[in-house]
C-alpha cells in the first residue's frame, strides 16, 4: 500500500551488508571487556599460582615457614603431598604442602 513493491524487494538485500557490520560492532565492547579482564585479573592470578607452586616444590628440610593456619615452624619431614613441621620443642604437626604460604629467611624463628 504505502511502500512500493520494488523498494520492498531491495530493502533486505541492502540491510544484510550493514547487518554484519553492526553485529561485529556490537560484539566489540564485549571483546574489549574480556581482554581487560584477562590482563587485570586472570593473568596476574595465574602468575601468582605459578610462583606459589614453585615455592612449595622448592621446600627443603630445615626451612622456616608460615602456614595458612598461622603456624610458624621448621620443616622436619617432607612427603609427596604432606610435610611435618616442628612448631615448638618436640611438637610436630603434619599438614598439606599447599598450606604453606611463605618461606621465612633462615634464623627468623628463635
Protein backbone atom coordinates (compact mmCIF):
# COMPACT_ATOMS: atom_id res chain seq x y z
CA UNK A 1 0.00 0.00 0.00
CA UNK A 2 2.34 2.70 1.20
CA UNK A 3 5.62 1.00 0.15
CA UNK A 4 6.24 0.21 -3.47
CA UNK A 5 7.00 -3.41 -4.30
CA UNK A 6 10.38 -2.53 -5.89
CA UNK A 7 11.57 -0.78 -2.71
CA UNK A 8 10.32 -3.62 -0.51
CA UNK A 9 12.27 -6.20 -2.52
CA UNK A 10 15.61 -4.35 -2.37
CA UNK A 11 15.47 -3.36 1.30
CA UNK A 12 16.53 -6.76 2.80
CA UNK A 13 19.48 -7.06 0.41
CA UNK A 14 20.82 -3.65 1.42
CA UNK A 15 20.28 -4.33 5.12
CA UNK A 16 22.18 -7.65 5.11
CA UNK A 17 25.55 -5.98 4.34
CA UNK A 18 25.13 -3.42 7.09
CA UNK A 19 23.75 -6.08 9.43
CA UNK A 20 27.08 -7.96 9.52
CA UNK A 21 28.98 -4.80 10.32
CA UNK A 22 26.58 -3.82 13.11
CA UNK A 23 26.90 -7.31 14.62
CA UNK A 24 30.68 -7.00 14.72
CA UNK A 25 30.47 -3.52 16.22
CA UNK A 26 28.05 -4.71 18.90
CA UNK A 27 30.46 -7.52 19.89
CA UNK A 28 33.49 -5.21 20.07
CA UNK A 29 32.77 -3.85 23.60
CA UNK A 30 32.30 -7.39 24.89
CA UNK A 31 35.64 -8.47 23.44
CA UNK A 32 37.39 -5.42 24.86
CA UNK A 33 35.92 -6.11 28.32
CA UNK A 34 37.18 -9.69 28.17
CA UNK A 35 40.69 -8.53 27.20
CA UNK A 36 40.78 -6.05 30.08
CA UNK A 37 39.51 -8.74 32.48
CA UNK A 38 42.20 -11.14 31.29
CA UNK A 39 45.09 -8.71 31.73
CA UNK A 40 43.85 -7.21 35.02
CA UNK A 41 42.58 -10.30 36.87
CA UNK A 42 43.22 -13.67 35.23
CA UNK A 43 46.85 -13.30 34.14
CA UNK A 44 48.18 -11.97 37.50
CA UNK A 45 46.33 -14.73 39.37
CA UNK A 46 47.88 -17.41 37.16
CA UNK A 47 51.33 -15.88 37.72
CA UNK A 48 50.78 -15.89 41.50
CA UNK A 49 49.70 -19.56 41.44
CA UNK A 50 52.81 -20.50 39.45
CA UNK A 51 55.08 -18.70 41.96
CA UNK A 52 53.33 -20.47 44.88
CA UNK A 53 53.75 -23.88 43.24
CA UNK A 54 57.45 -23.17 42.62
CA UNK A 55 57.89 -22.18 46.27
CA UNK A 56 56.15 -25.35 47.51
CA UNK A 57 58.20 -27.57 45.19
CA UNK A 58 61.43 -25.97 46.46
CA UNK A 59 60.72 -26.66 50.16
CA UNK A 60 63.54 -28.46 51.95
CA UNK A 61 64.12 -29.90 55.40
CA UNK A 62 65.06 -27.13 57.83
CA UNK A 63 63.17 -24.33 56.03
CA UNK A 64 61.26 -21.97 58.30
CA UNK A 65 57.70 -21.43 57.09
CA UNK A 66 54.36 -19.79 57.84
CA UNK A 67 51.19 -21.80 57.17
CA UNK A 68 47.71 -20.67 56.20
CA UNK A 69 46.56 -21.53 59.73
CA UNK A 70 49.09 -19.13 61.22
CA UNK A 71 51.63 -21.68 62.44
CA UNK A 72 55.27 -20.69 62.28
CA UNK A 73 57.60 -23.66 62.25
CA UNK A 74 60.55 -25.51 60.80
CA UNK A 75 60.13 -28.29 58.23
CA UNK A 76 61.25 -31.58 59.77
CA UNK A 77 59.95 -34.15 57.23
CA UNK A 78 58.83 -33.92 53.62
CA UNK A 79 56.44 -36.19 51.74
CA UNK A 80 54.77 -36.02 48.35
CA UNK A 81 51.66 -34.12 49.42
CA UNK A 82 52.33 -33.62 53.12
CA UNK A 83 55.04 -32.20 55.33
CA UNK A 84 55.74 -32.26 59.04
CA UNK A 85 56.69 -29.05 60.78
CA UNK A 86 58.07 -28.56 64.25
CA UNK A 87 56.21 -25.66 65.86
CA UNK A 88 57.80 -25.97 69.32
CA UNK A 89 60.38 -28.18 71.03
CA UNK A 90 59.17 -31.73 70.42
CA UNK A 91 55.77 -30.64 68.99
CA UNK A 92 55.30 -31.68 65.38
CA UNK A 93 52.29 -31.13 63.14
CA UNK A 94 51.60 -32.83 59.82
CA UNK A 95 49.85 -30.79 57.12
CA UNK A 96 49.44 -30.44 53.39
CA UNK A 97 52.16 -28.74 51.39
CA UNK A 98 49.60 -26.34 49.91
CA UNK A 99 49.02 -24.87 53.39
CA UNK A 100 52.42 -23.18 53.26
CA UNK A 101 52.01 -19.52 52.37
CA UNK A 102 55.50 -18.16 52.95
CA UNK A 103 59.07 -19.32 53.44
CA UNK A 104 60.88 -17.21 56.02
CA UNK A 105 64.56 -16.25 55.88
CA UNK A 106 66.87 -18.52 57.88
CA UNK A 107 67.11 -17.52 61.54
CA UNK A 108 63.68 -15.87 61.73
CA UNK A 109 62.49 -18.31 64.40
CA UNK A 110 64.07 -18.08 67.81
